Amino acid sequence: MVISMEHWKKMAAPIIVALIVVLYYIGIAVLIISIPEIPAIFRILMVVVPLILAAVMIGVLISRIKEIKGGEEDDLSKY
């Protein structure tokens, strides 16, 4: 499937925002791992939650890209 330049322009902002948020969540997980004073159970919890949020963000990005490719750029028009 060929993606037009207009679609790329509309996908740029969601991709950049998703990348920043995912890197932020991964950074939090890495930071938590590097603190040895935190008990293991809390460390695991504090690593799993940001990684789950990062995965959800990637899922939302994929959904948004499909919407843009399908020509549904404005979600507010449905309401």
PDB file of N, CA and C in Angstrom:
ATOM      1  N   MET A   1       0.840  -1.174   0.000  1.00  0.00           N
ATOM      2  CA  MET A   1       0.000   0.000   0.000  1.00  0.00           C
ATOM      3  C   MET A   1       0.892   1.247   0.000  1.00  0.00           C
ATOM      4  N   VAL A   2       0.604   2.136  -0.906  1.00  0.00           N
ATOM      5  CA  VAL A   2       1.365   3.374  -1.028  1.00  0.00           C
ATOM      6  C   VAL A   2       0.721   4.424  -0.128  1.00  0.00           C
ATOM      7  N   ILE A   3       1.551   5.054   0.671  1.00  0.00           N
ATOM      8  CA  ILE A   3       1.064   6.093   1.574  1.00  0.00           C
ATOM      9  C   ILE A   3       1.456   7.445   0.996  1.00  0.00           C
ATOM     10  N   SER A   4       0.468   8.312   0.840  1.00  0.00           N
ATOM     11  CA  SER A   4       0.740   9.622   0.264  1.00  0.00           C
ATOM     12  C   SER A   4       1.492  10.505   1.262  1.00  0.00           C
ATOM     13  N   MET A   5       2.084  11.566   0.730  1.00  0.00           N
ATOM     14  CA  MET A   5       2.834  12.493   1.563  1.00  0.00           C
ATOM     15  C   MET A   5       1.919  13.164   2.588  1.00  0.00           C
ATOM     16  N   GLU A   6       0.654  13.372   2.225  1.00  0.00           N
ATOM     17  CA  GLU A   6      -0.299  13.979   3.150  1.00  0.00           C
ATOM     18  C   GLU A   6      -0.515  13.073   4.366  1.00  0.00           C
ATOM     19  N   HIS A   7      -0.611  11.762   4.117  1.00  0.00           N
ATOM     20  CA  HIS A   7      -0.765  10.826   5.238  1.00  0.00           C
ATOM     21  C   HIS A   7       0.469  10.824   6.136  1.00  0.00           C
ATOM     22  N   TRP A   8       1.655  10.903   5.525  1.00  0.00           N
ATOM     23  CA  TRP A   8       2.880  10.941   6.332  1.00  0.00           C
ATOM     24  C   TRP A   8       2.898  12.176   7.230  1.00  0.00           C
ATOM     25  N   LYS A   9       2.447  13.303   6.696  1.00  0.00           N
ATOM     26  CA  LYS A   9       2.423  14.529   7.494  1.00  0.00           C
ATOM     27  C   LYS A   9       1.468  14.389   8.678  1.00  0.00           C
ATOM     28  N   LYS A  10       0.333  13.726   8.470  1.00  0.00           N
ATOM     29  CA  LYS A  10      -0.645  13.559   9.542  1.00  0.00           C
ATOM     30  C   LYS A  10      -0.194  12.512  10.557  1.00  0.00           C
ATOM     31  N   MET A  11       0.676  11.586  10.132  1.00  0.00           N
ATOM     32  CA  MET A  11       1.160  10.548  11.047  1.00  0.00           C
ATOM     33  C   MET A  11       2.397  10.985  11.832  1.00  0.00           C
ATOM     34  N   ALA A  12       3.044  12.051  11.416  1.00  0.00           N
ATOM     35  CA  ALA A  12       4.293  12.461  12.052  1.00  0.00           C
ATOM     36  C   ALA A  12       4.100  12.804  13.528  1.00  0.00           C
ATOM     37  N   ALA A  13       3.117  13.607  13.846  1.00  0.00           N
ATOM     38  CA  ALA A  13       2.914  14.023  15.243  1.00  0.00           C
ATOM     39  C   ALA A  13       2.579  12.841  16.156  1.00  0.00           C
ATOM     40  N   PRO A  14       1.630  11.959  15.777  1.00  0.00           N
ATOM     41  CA  PRO A  14       1.365  10.817  16.664  1.00  0.00           C
ATOM     42  C   PRO A  14       2.577   9.908  16.854  1.00  0.00           C
ATOM     43  N   ILE A  15       3.367   9.723  15.803  1.00  0.00           N
ATOM     44  CA  ILE A  15       4.556   8.873  15.917  1.00  0.00           C
ATOM     45  C   ILE A  15       5.571   9.500  16.853  1.00  0.00           C
ATOM     46  N   ILE A  16       5.800  10.798  16.720  1.00  0.00           N
ATOM     47  CA  ILE A  16       6.779  11.476  17.573  1.00  0.00           C
ATOM     48  C   ILE A  16       6.327  11.466  19.027  1.00  0.00           C
ATOM     49  N   VAL A  17       5.068  11.769  19.275  1.00  0.00           N
ATOM     50  CA  VAL A  17       4.550  11.778  20.647  1.00  0.00           C
ATOM     51  C   VAL A  17       4.622  10.380  21.251  1.00  0.00           C
ATOM     52  N   ALA A  18       4.232   9.371  20.494  1.00  0.00           N
ATOM     53  CA  ALA A  18       4.284   7.998  20.999  1.00  0.00           C
ATOM     54  C   ALA A  18       5.723   7.592  21.303  1.00  0.00           C
ATOM     55  N   LEU A  19       6.650   7.952  20.456  1.00  0.00           N
ATOM     56  CA  LEU A  19       8.055   7.631  20.681  1.00  0.00           C
ATOM     57  C   LEU A  19       8.569   8.276  21.963  1.00  0.00           C
ATOM     58  N   ILE A  20       8.235   9.533  22.171  1.00  0.00           N
ATOM     59  CA  ILE A  20       8.674  10.233  23.381  1.00  0.00           C
ATOM     60  C   ILE A  20       8.082   9.581  24.624  1.00  0.00           C
ATOM     61  N   VAL A  21       6.799   9.251  24.593  1.00  0.00           N
ATOM     62  CA  VAL A  21       6.139   8.654  25.756  1.00  0.00           C
ATOM     63  C   VAL A  21       6.705   7.259  26.040  1.00  0.00           C
ATOM     64  N   VAL A  22       6.916   6.462  24.990  1.00  0.00           N
ATOM     65  CA  VAL A  22       7.472   5.120  25.179  1.00  0.00           C
ATOM     66  C   VAL A  22       8.886   5.204  25.748  1.00  0.00           C
ATOM     67  N   LEU A  23       9.698   6.098  25.235  1.00  0.00           N
ATOM     68  CA  LEU A  23      11.052   6.269  25.776  1.00  0.00           C
ATOM     69  C   LEU A  23      11.018   6.732  27.229  1.00  0.00           C
ATOM     70  N   TYR A  24      10.057   7.565  27.570  1.00  0.00           N
ATOM     71  CA  TYR A  24       9.896   8.026  28.950  1.00  0.00           C
ATOM     72  C   TYR A  24       9.577   6.857  29.874  1.00  0.00           C
ATOM     73  N   TYR A  25       8.617   6.024  29.468  1.00  0.00           N
ATOM     74  CA  TYR A  25       8.242   4.881  30.298  1.00  0.00           C
ATOM     75  C   TYR A  25       9.378   3.879  30.422  1.00  0.00           C
ATOM     76  N   ILE A  26      10.099   3.640  29.347  1.00  0.00           N
ATOM     77  CA  ILE A  26      11.244   2.736  29.412  1.00  0.00           C
ATOM     78  C   ILE A  26      12.327   3.326  30.308  1.00  0.00           C
ATOM     79  N   GLY A  27      12.525   4.636  30.236  1.00  0.00           N
ATOM     80  CA  GLY A  27      13.495   5.300  31.111  1.00  0.00           C
ATOM     81  C   GLY A  27      13.136   5.157  32.576  1.00  0.00           C
ATOM     82  N   ILE A  28      11.848   5.275  32.888  1.00  0.00           N
ATOM     83  CA  ILE A  28      11.406   5.087  34.272  1.00  0.00           C
ATOM     84  C   ILE A  28      11.716   3.668  34.726  1.00  0.00           C
ATOM     85  N   ALA A  29      11.429   2.679  33.878  1.00  0.00           N
ATOM     86  CA  ALA A  29      11.689   1.287  34.228  1.00  0.00           C
ATOM     87  C   ALA A  29      13.178   1.052  34.469  1.00  0.00           C
ATOM     88  N   VAL A  30      14.022   1.595  33.616  1.00  0.00           N
ATOM     89  CA  VAL A  30      15.472   1.437  33.775  1.00  0.00           C
ATOM     90  C   VAL A  30      15.947   2.129  35.049  1.00  0.00           C
ATOM     91  N   LEU A  31      15.416   3.297  35.327  1.00  0.00           N
ATOM     92  CA  LEU A  31      15.794   4.020  36.538  1.00  0.00           C
ATOM     93  C   LEU A  31      15.424   3.229  37.789  1.00  0.00           C
ATOM     94  N   ILE A  32      14.232   2.659  37.803  1.00  0.00           N
ATOM     95  CA  ILE A  32      13.781   1.879  38.953  1.00  0.00           C
ATOM     96  C   ILE A  32      14.665   0.645  39.147  1.00  0.00           C
ATOM     97  N   ILE A  33      15.048  -0.003  38.058  1.00  0.00           N
ATOM     98  CA  ILE A  33      15.918  -1.173  38.164  1.00  0.00           C
ATOM     99  C   ILE A  33      17.263  -0.808  38.777  1.00  0.00           C
ATOM    100  N   SER A  34      17.736   0.386  38.504  1.00  0.00           N
ATOM    101  CA  SER A  34      19.071   0.784  38.959  1.00  0.00           C
ATOM    102  C   SER A  34      19.122   1.207  40.427  1.00  0.00           C
ATOM    103  N   ILE A  35      17.991   1.288  41.111  1.00  0.00           N
ATOM    104  CA  ILE A  35      17.974   1.671  42.524  1.00  0.00           C
ATOM    105  C   ILE A  35      17.959   0.392  43.374  1.00  0.00           C
ATOM    106  N   PRO A  36      19.077   0.068  44.026  1.00  0.00           N
ATOM    107  CA  PRO A  36      19.155  -1.207  44.750  1.00  0.00           C
ATOM    108  C   PRO A  36      18.388  -1.221  46.079  1.00  0.00           C
ATOM    109  N   GLU A  37      18.060  -0.082  46.637  1.00  0.00           N
ATOM    110  CA  GLU A  37      17.407  -0.034  47.951  1.00  0.00           C
ATOM    111  C   GLU A  37      15.924  -0.429  47.906  1.00  0.00           C
ATOM    112  N   ILE A  38      15.322  -0.452  46.741  1.00  0.00           N
ATOM    113  CA  ILE A  38      13.906  -0.760  46.617  1.00  0.00           C
ATOM    114  C   ILE A  38      13.720  -2.281  46.732  1.00  0.00           C
ATOM    115  N   PRO A  39      12.778  -2.733  47.561  1.00  0.00           N
ATOM    116  CA  PRO A  39      12.521  -4.173  47.667  1.00  0.00           C
ATOM    117  C   PRO A  39      12.127  -4.772  46.308  1.00  0.00           C
ATOM    118  N   ALA A  40      12.425  -6.047  46.135  1.00  0.00           N
ATOM    119  CA  ALA A  40      12.249  -6.710  44.838  1.00  0.00           C
ATOM    120  C   ALA A  40      10.808  -6.662  44.344  1.00  0.00           C
ATOM    121  N   ILE A  41       9.833  -6.890  45.203  1.00  0.00           N
ATOM    122  CA  ILE A  41       8.436  -6.922  44.761  1.00  0.00           C
ATOM    123  C   ILE A  41       7.986  -5.554  44.242  1.00  0.00           C
ATOM    124  N   PHE A  42       8.418  -4.482  44.925  1.00  0.00           N
ATOM    125  CA  PHE A  42       8.073  -3.135  44.457  1.00  0.00           C
ATOM    126  C   PHE A  42       8.818  -2.799  43.170  1.00  0.00           C
ATOM    127  N   ARG A  43      10.056  -3.259  43.073  1.00  0.00           N
ATOM    128  CA  ARG A  43      10.839  -3.005  41.866  1.00  0.00           C
ATOM    129  C   ARG A  43      10.176  -3.668  40.660  1.00  0.00           C
ATOM    130  N   ILE A  44       9.729  -4.908  40.843  1.00  0.00           N
ATOM    131  CA  ILE A  44       9.060  -5.609  39.745  1.00  0.00           C
ATOM    132  C   ILE A  44       7.787  -4.870  39.340  1.00  0.00           C
ATOM    133  N   LEU A  45       6.996  -4.491  40.324  1.00  0.00           N
ATOM    134  CA  LEU A  45       5.754  -3.762  40.049  1.00  0.00           C
ATOM    135  C   LEU A  45       6.029  -2.441  39.343  1.00  0.00           C
ATOM    136  N   MET A  46       7.046  -1.728  39.806  1.00  0.00           N
ATOM    137  CA  MET A  46       7.342  -0.410  39.259  1.00  0.00           C
ATOM    138  C   MET A  46       8.028  -0.489  37.896  1.00  0.00           C
ATOM    139  N   VAL A  47       8.425  -1.684  37.488  1.00  0.00           N
ATOM    140  CA  VAL A  47       8.970  -1.875  36.147  1.00  0.00           C
ATOM    141  C   VAL A  47       7.878  -2.371  35.205  1.00  0.00           C
ATOM    142  N   VAL A  48       7.037  -3.269  35.691  1.00  0.00           N
ATOM    143  CA  VAL A  48       5.997  -3.857  34.842  1.00  0.00           C
ATOM    144  C   VAL A  48       4.961  -2.812  34.421  1.00  0.00           C
ATOM    145  N   VAL A  49       4.542  -1.964  35.339  1.00  0.00           N
ATOM    146  CA  VAL A  49       3.503  -0.974  35.025  1.00  0.00           C
ATOM    147  C   VAL A  49       3.940  -0.018  33.904  1.00  0.00           C
ATOM    148  N   PRO A  50       5.122   0.600  33.965  1.00  0.00           N
ATOM    149  CA  PRO A  50       5.521   1.471  32.838  1.00  0.00           C
ATOM    150  C   PRO A  50       5.675   0.711  31.522  1.00  0.00           C
ATOM    151  N   LEU A  51       6.123  -0.542  31.584  1.00  0.00           N
ATOM    152  CA  LEU A  51       6.263  -1.310  30.349  1.00  0.00           C
ATOM    153  C   LEU A  51       4.895  -1.645  29.755  1.00  0.00           C
ATOM    154  N   ILE A  52       3.910  -1.915  30.597  1.00  0.00           N
ATOM    155  CA  ILE A  52       2.548  -2.137  30.110  1.00  0.00           C
ATOM    156  C   ILE A  52       2.000  -0.854  29.484  1.00  0.00           C
ATOM    157  N   LEU A  53       2.242   0.280  30.136  1.00  0.00           N
ATOM    158  CA  LEU A  53       1.783   1.555  29.580  1.00  0.00           C
ATOM    159  C   LEU A  53       2.447   1.852  28.234  1.00  0.00           C
ATOM    160  N   ALA A  54       3.726   1.502  28.106  1.00  0.00           N
ATOM    161  CA  ALA A  54       4.425   1.690  26.831  1.00  0.00           C
ATOM    162  C   ALA A  54       3.795   0.814  25.749  1.00  0.00           C
ATOM    163  N   ALA A  55       3.446  -0.429  26.091  1.00  0.00           N
ATOM    164  CA  ALA A  55       2.807  -1.321  25.127  1.00  0.00           C
ATOM    165  C   ALA A  55       1.439  -0.789  24.709  1.00  0.00           C
ATOM    166  N   VAL A  56       0.690  -0.256  25.656  1.00  0.00           N
ATOM    167  CA  VAL A  56      -0.618   0.330  25.341  1.00  0.00           C
ATOM    168  C   VAL A  56      -0.444   1.530  24.404  1.00  0.00           C
ATOM    169  N   MET A  57       0.564   2.332  24.654  1.00  0.00           N
ATOM    170  CA  MET A  57       0.819   3.500  23.800  1.00  0.00           C
ATOM    171  C   MET A  57       1.131   3.068  22.375  1.00  0.00           C
ATOM    172  N   ILE A  58       1.880   1.993  22.215  1.00  0.00           N
ATOM    173  CA  ILE A  58       2.183   1.484  20.880  1.00  0.00           C
ATOM    174  C   ILE A  58       0.902   0.991  20.206  1.00  0.00           C
ATOM    175  N   GLY A  59       0.027   0.338  20.973  1.00  0.00           N
ATOM    176  CA  GLY A  59      -1.252  -0.112  20.432  1.00  0.00           C
ATOM    177  C   GLY A  59      -2.117   1.050  19.974  1.00  0.00           C
ATOM    178  N   VAL A  60      -2.142   2.106  20.757  1.00  0.00           N
ATOM    179  CA  VAL A  60      -2.911   3.301  20.387  1.00  0.00           C
ATOM    180  C   VAL A  60      -2.325   3.936  19.123  1.00  0.00           C
ATOM    181  N   LEU A  61      -1.008   3.957  19.028  1.00  0.00           N
ATOM    182  CA  LEU A  61      -0.360   4.508  17.832  1.00  0.00           C
ATOM    183  C   LEU A  61      -0.733   3.704  16.588  1.00  0.00           C
ATOM    184  N   ILE A  62      -0.714   2.383  16.706  1.00  0.00           N
ATOM    185  CA  ILE A  62      -1.076   1.538  15.569  1.00  0.00           C
ATOM    186  C   ILE A  62      -2.523   1.803  15.158  1.00  0.00           C
ATOM    187  N   SER A  63      -3.406   1.936  16.138  1.00  0.00           N
ATOM    188  CA  SER A  63      -4.810   2.235  15.851  1.00  0.00           C
ATOM    189  C   SER A  63      -4.942   3.584  15.149  1.00  0.00           C
ATOM    190  N   ARG A  64      -4.217   4.567  15.610  1.00  0.00           N
ATOM    191  CA  ARG A  64      -4.283   5.914  15.012  1.00  0.00           C
ATOM    192  C   ARG A  64      -3.768   5.909  13.578  1.00  0.00           C
ATOM    193  N   ILE A  65      -2.703   5.153  13.329  1.00  0.00           N
ATOM    194  CA  ILE A  65      -2.157   5.066  11.976  1.00  0.00           C
ATOM    195  C   ILE A  65      -3.175   4.416  11.039  1.00  0.00           C
ATOM    196  N   LYS A  66      -3.870   3.384  11.521  1.00  0.00           N
ATOM    197  CA  LYS A  66      -4.906   2.743  10.703  1.00  0.00           C
ATOM    198  C   LYS A  66      -6.033   3.721  10.396  1.00  0.00           C
ATOM    199  N   GLU A  67      -6.409   4.558  11.380  1.00  0.00           N
ATOM    200  CA  GLU A  67      -7.445   5.562  11.149  1.00  0.00           C
ATOM    201  C   GLU A  67      -7.012   6.558  10.080  1.00  0.00           C
ATOM    202  N   ILE A  68      -5.779   6.999  10.152  1.00  0.00           N
ATOM    203  CA  ILE A  68      -5.283   7.981   9.184  1.00  0.00           C
ATOM    204  C   ILE A  68      -5.239   7.363   7.786  1.00  0.00           C
ATOM    205  N   LYS A  69      -4.769   6.129   7.692  1.00  0.00           N
ATOM    206  CA  LYS A  69      -4.725   5.456   6.391  1.00  0.00           C
ATOM    207  C   LYS A  69      -6.126   5.238   5.830  1.00  0.00           C
ATOM    208  N   GLY A  70      -7.094   5.030   6.719  1.00  0.00           N
ATOM    209  CA  GLY A  70      -8.469   4.816   6.281  1.00  0.00           C
ATOM    210  C   GLY A  70      -9.210   6.090   5.946  1.00  0.00           C
ATOM    211  N   GLY A  71      -8.565   7.221   6.112  1.00  0.00           N
ATOM    212  CA  GLY A  71      -9.177   8.495   5.759  1.00  0.00           C
ATOM    213  C   GLY A  71      -9.983   9.106   6.879  1.00  0.00           C
ATOM    214  N   GLU A  72      -9.877   8.575   8.068  1.00  0.00           N
ATOM    215  CA  GLU A  72     -10.639   9.100   9.203  1.00  0.00           C
ATOM    216  C   GLU A  72      -9.691   9.901  10.101  1.00  0.00           C
ATOM    217  N   GLU A  73      -9.306  11.078   9.622  1.00  0.00           N
ATOM    218  CA  GLU A  73      -8.326  11.879  10.342  1.00  0.00           C
ATOM    219  C   GLU A  73      -8.908  12.590  11.559  1.00  0.00           C
ATOM    220  N   ASP A  74     -10.188  12.939  11.502  1.00  0.00           N
ATOM    221  CA  ASP A  74     -10.800  13.742  12.556  1.00  0.00           C
ATOM    222  C   ASP A  74     -11.776  12.886  13.364  1.00  0.00           C
ATOM    223  N   ASP A  75     -11.348  12.449  14.539  1.00  0.00           N
ATOM    224  CA  ASP A  75     -12.207  11.628  15.396  1.00  0.00           C
ATOM    225  C   ASP A  75     -13.401  12.403  15.938  1.00  0.00           C
ATOM    226  N   LEU A  76     -13.262  13.695  16.088  1.00  0.00           N
ATOM    227  CA  LEU A  76     -14.333  14.498  16.679  1.00  0.00           C
ATOM    228  C   LEU A  76     -15.551  14.621  15.768  1.00  0.00           C
ATOM    229  N   SER A  77     -15.362  14.339  14.494  1.00  0.00           N
ATOM    230  CA  SER A  77     -16.496  14.466  13.570  1.00  0.00           C
ATOM    231  C   SER A  77     -17.563  13.414  13.843  1.00  0.00           C
ATOM    232  N   LYS A  78     -17.235  12.355  14.583  1.00  0.00           N
ATOM    233  CA  LYS A  78     -18.207  11.316  14.899  1.00  0.00           C
ATOM    234  C   LYS A  78     -19.183  11.767  15.985  1.00  0.00           C
ATOM    235  N   TYR A  79     -18.836  12.778  16.735  1.00  0.00           N
ATOM    236  CA  TYR A  79     -19.636  13.148  17.912  1.00  0.00           C
ATOM    237  C   TYR A  79     -20.395  14.437  17.716  1.00  0.00           C
TER     238      TYR A  79
END
